[in-house]
C-alpha atoms as a PDB file:
ATOM      1  CA  MET A   1      55.236 298.014 177.957  1.00  0.00           C
ATOM      2  CA  SER A   2      52.479 299.850 176.110  1.00  0.00           C
ATOM      3  CA  ALA A   3      48.937 300.078 177.477  1.00  0.00           C
ATOM      4  CA  ASP A   4      45.655 301.659 176.428  1.00  0.00           C
ATOM      5  CA  PRO A   5      43.904 303.282 179.425  1.00  0.00           C
ATOM      6  CA  HIS A   6      40.499 302.571 177.854  1.00  0.00           C
ATOM      7  CA  CYS A   7      41.156 298.879 177.074  1.00  0.00           C
ATOM      8  CA  ILE A   8      39.453 296.367 179.370  1.00  0.00           C
ATOM      9  CA  PHE A   9      42.256 293.819 178.893  1.00  0.00           C
ATOM     10  CA  CYS A  10      44.918 296.421 179.744  1.00  0.00           C
ATOM     11  CA  LYS A  11      42.928 297.144 182.914  1.00  0.00           C
ATOM     12  CA  ILE A  12      42.949 293.425 183.749  1.00  0.00           C
ATOM     13  CA  VAL A  13      46.743 293.311 183.197  1.00  0.00           C
ATOM     14  CA  ALA A  14      47.112 296.354 185.498  1.00  0.00           C
ATOM     15  CA  GLY A  15      44.986 294.693 188.203  1.00  0.00           C
ATOM     16  CA  GLN A  16      42.273 297.356 187.961  1.00  0.00           C
ATOM     17  CA  ILE A  17      39.649 294.745 186.968  1.00  0.00           C
ATOM     18  CA  PRO A  18      39.665 291.312 188.609  1.00  0.00           C
ATOM     19  CA  ALA A  19      40.044 288.146 186.540  1.00  0.00           C
ATOM     20  CA  LYS A  20      40.364 284.448 187.327  1.00  0.00           C
ATOM     21  CA  LYS A  21      43.957 283.920 186.226  1.00  0.00           C
ATOM     22  CA  ALA A  22      45.171 280.598 184.843  1.00  0.00           C
ATOM     23  CA  TYR A  23      48.759 281.647 184.024  1.00  0.00           C
ATOM     24  CA  GLU A  24      50.976 284.709 184.127  1.00  0.00           C
ATOM     25  CA  ASP A  25      54.550 285.592 183.259  1.00  0.00           C
ATOM     26  CA  ASP A  26      56.391 288.778 182.279  1.00  0.00           C
ATOM     27  CA  GLU A  27      54.919 288.834 178.766  1.00  0.00           C
ATOM     28  CA  LEU A  28      51.594 286.937 178.821  1.00  0.00           C
ATOM     29  CA  LEU A  29      48.472 286.709 180.932  1.00  0.00           C
ATOM     30  CA  VAL A  30      45.875 283.937 180.719  1.00  0.00           C
ATOM     31  CA  PHE A  31      42.479 284.195 182.364  1.00  0.00           C
ATOM     32  CA  HIS A  32      39.115 282.432 182.211  1.00  0.00           C
ATOM     33  CA  ASP A  33      36.537 283.947 179.864  1.00  0.00           C
ATOM     34  CA  ILE A  34      33.575 285.449 181.734  1.00  0.00           C
ATOM     35  CA  HIS A  35      31.194 284.204 179.007  1.00  0.00           C
ATOM     36  CA  PRO A  36      32.639 280.754 178.181  1.00  0.00           C
ATOM     37  CA  TRP A  37      31.697 278.931 174.984  1.00  0.00           C
ATOM     38  CA  ALA A  38      33.063 275.627 176.307  1.00  0.00           C
ATOM     39  CA  PRO A  39      33.548 273.891 179.671  1.00  0.00           C
ATOM     40  CA  VAL A  40      37.137 275.256 179.688  1.00  0.00           C
ATOM     41  CA  HIS A  41      37.594 278.622 177.953  1.00  0.00           C
ATOM     42  CA  VAL A  42      40.611 280.824 178.606  1.00  0.00           C
ATOM     43  CA  LEU A  43      41.982 283.915 176.910  1.00  0.00           C
ATOM     44  CA  VAL A  44      45.714 284.244 176.252  1.00  0.00           C
ATOM     45  CA  ILE A  45      46.782 287.879 175.905  1.00  0.00           C
ATOM     46  CA  PRO A  46      50.044 289.764 175.625  1.00  0.00           C
ATOM     47  CA  LYS A  47      50.510 292.184 178.497  1.00  0.00           C
ATOM     48  CA  ALA A  48      51.573 294.875 176.035  1.00  0.00           C
ATOM     49  CA  HIS A  49      48.669 296.471 174.178  1.00  0.00           C
ATOM     50  CA  ILE A  50      48.479 295.278 170.568  1.00  0.00           C
ATOM     51  CA  ALA A  51      45.076 296.130 169.087  1.00  0.00           C
ATOM     52  CA  SER A  52      44.664 293.071 166.881  1.00  0.00           C
ATOM     53  CA  HIS A  53      46.419 290.242 165.075  1.00  0.00           C
ATOM     54  CA  ALA A  54      46.492 292.529 162.018  1.00  0.00           C
ATOM     55  CA  ASP A  55      48.833 294.853 163.942  1.00  0.00           C
ATOM     56  CA  VAL A  56      51.440 292.177 164.650  1.00  0.00           C
ATOM     57  CA  GLY A  57      54.839 292.530 162.995  1.00  0.00           C
ATOM     58  CA  PRO A  58      57.806 290.173 162.681  1.00  0.00           C
ATOM     59  CA  GLU A  59      59.151 291.427 166.024  1.00  0.00           C
ATOM     60  CA  GLN A  60      56.141 289.837 167.782  1.00  0.00           C
ATOM     61  CA  ALA A  61      56.660 286.380 166.193  1.00  0.00           C
ATOM     62  CA  PRO A  62      58.343 284.915 169.321  1.00  0.00           C
ATOM     63  CA  MET A  63      55.470 286.157 171.511  1.00  0.00           C
ATOM     64  CA  LEU A  64      52.864 284.637 169.156  1.00  0.00           C
ATOM     65  CA  GLY A  65      54.774 281.368 169.202  1.00  0.00           C
ATOM     66  CA  ARG A  66      54.758 281.389 172.988  1.00  0.00           C
ATOM     67  CA  MET A  67      50.978 281.992 172.982  1.00  0.00           C
ATOM     68  CA  LEU A  68      50.425 278.949 170.760  1.00  0.00           C
ATOM     69  CA  ALA A  69      52.910 276.768 172.627  1.00  0.00           C
ATOM     70  CA  LEU A  70      51.261 277.604 175.941  1.00  0.00           C
ATOM     71  CA  ALA A  71      47.816 276.358 174.823  1.00  0.00           C
ATOM     72  CA  PRO A  72      48.416 272.580 175.145  1.00  0.00           C
ATOM     73  CA  GLN A  73      50.145 273.012 178.513  1.00  0.00           C
ATOM     74  CA  LEU A  74      47.210 275.037 179.849  1.00  0.00           C
ATOM     75  CA  MET A  75      44.621 272.595 178.569  1.00  0.00           C
ATOM     76  CA  ARG A  76      46.440 269.674 180.221  1.00  0.00           C
ATOM     77  CA  GLU A  77      46.680 271.620 183.496  1.00  0.00           C
ATOM     78  CA  LEU A  78      42.960 272.477 183.283  1.00  0.00           C
ATOM     79  CA  GLY A  79      41.984 268.825 182.731  1.00  0.00           C
ATOM     80  CA  VAL A  80      41.216 268.916 178.997  1.00  0.00           C
ATOM     81  CA  THR A  81      42.303 265.563 177.594  1.00  0.00           C
ATOM     82  CA  ASN A  82      40.370 265.050 174.360  1.00  0.00           C
ATOM     83  CA  GLY A  83      41.210 268.087 172.207  1.00  0.00           C
ATOM     84  CA  PHE A  84      40.729 271.840 172.170  1.00  0.00           C
ATOM     85  CA  ARG A  85      40.316 274.801 169.805  1.00  0.00           C
ATOM     86  CA  THR A  86      42.420 277.928 169.451  1.00  0.00           C
ATOM     87  CA  VAL A  87      40.787 280.984 167.864  1.00  0.00           C
ATOM     88  CA  ILE A  88      42.073 284.493 167.167  1.00  0.00           C
ATOM     89  CA  ASN A  89      39.305 286.801 165.952  1.00  0.00           C
ATOM     90  CA  THR A  90      40.801 289.727 164.027  1.00  0.00           C
ATOM     91  CA  GLY A  91      39.019 293.007 163.335  1.00  0.00           C
ATOM     92  CA  ARG A  92      35.315 293.807 163.210  1.00  0.00           C
ATOM     93  CA  ASP A  93      34.582 291.471 160.283  1.00  0.00           C
ATOM     94  CA  GLY A  94      36.585 288.714 162.007  1.00  0.00           C
ATOM     95  CA  GLY A  95      34.393 288.896 165.097  1.00  0.00           C
ATOM     96  CA  GLN A  96      36.880 290.650 167.398  1.00  0.00           C
ATOM     97  CA  GLU A  97      34.977 292.291 170.257  1.00  0.00           C
ATOM     98  CA  VAL A  98      37.837 293.580 172.436  1.00  0.00           C
ATOM     99  CA  GLN A  99      40.491 295.597 170.609  1.00  0.00           C
ATOM    100  CA  HIS A 100      43.447 293.890 172.304  1.00  0.00           C
ATOM    101  CA  LEU A 101      45.080 290.858 170.701  1.00  0.00           C
ATOM    102  CA  HIS A 102      43.798 287.715 172.384  1.00  0.00           C
ATOM    103  CA  MET A 103      43.596 284.012 171.667  1.00  0.00           C
ATOM    104  CA  HIS A 104      40.661 281.918 172.826  1.00  0.00           C
ATOM    105  CA  VAL A 105      41.572 278.391 173.930  1.00  0.00           C
ATOM    106  CA  MET A 106      38.490 276.206 174.419  1.00  0.00           C
ATOM    107  CA  GLY A 107      38.124 272.580 175.386  1.00  0.00           C
ATOM    108  CA  GLY A 108      36.091 270.047 177.260  1.00  0.00           C
ATOM    109  CA  PRO A 109      33.229 267.711 176.415  1.00  0.00           C
ATOM    110  CA  ARG A 110      31.147 268.624 173.361  1.00  0.00           C
ATOM    111  CA  PRO A 111      28.635 269.842 172.336  1.00  0.00           C
ATOM    112  CA  TRP A 112      29.551 273.383 173.243  1.00  0.00           C
ATOM    113  CA  ALA A 113      26.999 276.145 173.452  1.00  0.00           C
ATOM    114  CA  LYS A 114      28.723 278.081 170.642  1.00  0.00           C
ATOM    115  CA  GLY A 115      31.648 277.872 168.254  1.00  0.00           C
END
């Protein structure tokens, strides 16, 4: 599995930085956002370092599918019952702040502070 020693998300995967985990398996890690935009806001990341969605190739299609399929399960487990959003910011102009592929999954009563 590839990792970037300077990437904050790779450090979270490695256990070097603590995170409030919501789910983990061999390929994916899900943790609560430290600056949530909604009552429930988690980040779904691959454990392998992929800089952005723009860097994904056909070989990562199953992993991306798993990320999307996991979202409704997580929201149900976290008590979100009336809808949620999934967002993947890609690149500087797309609003990506951490250069590690990640999907925001946000839900809970509206209005949200942002988004």
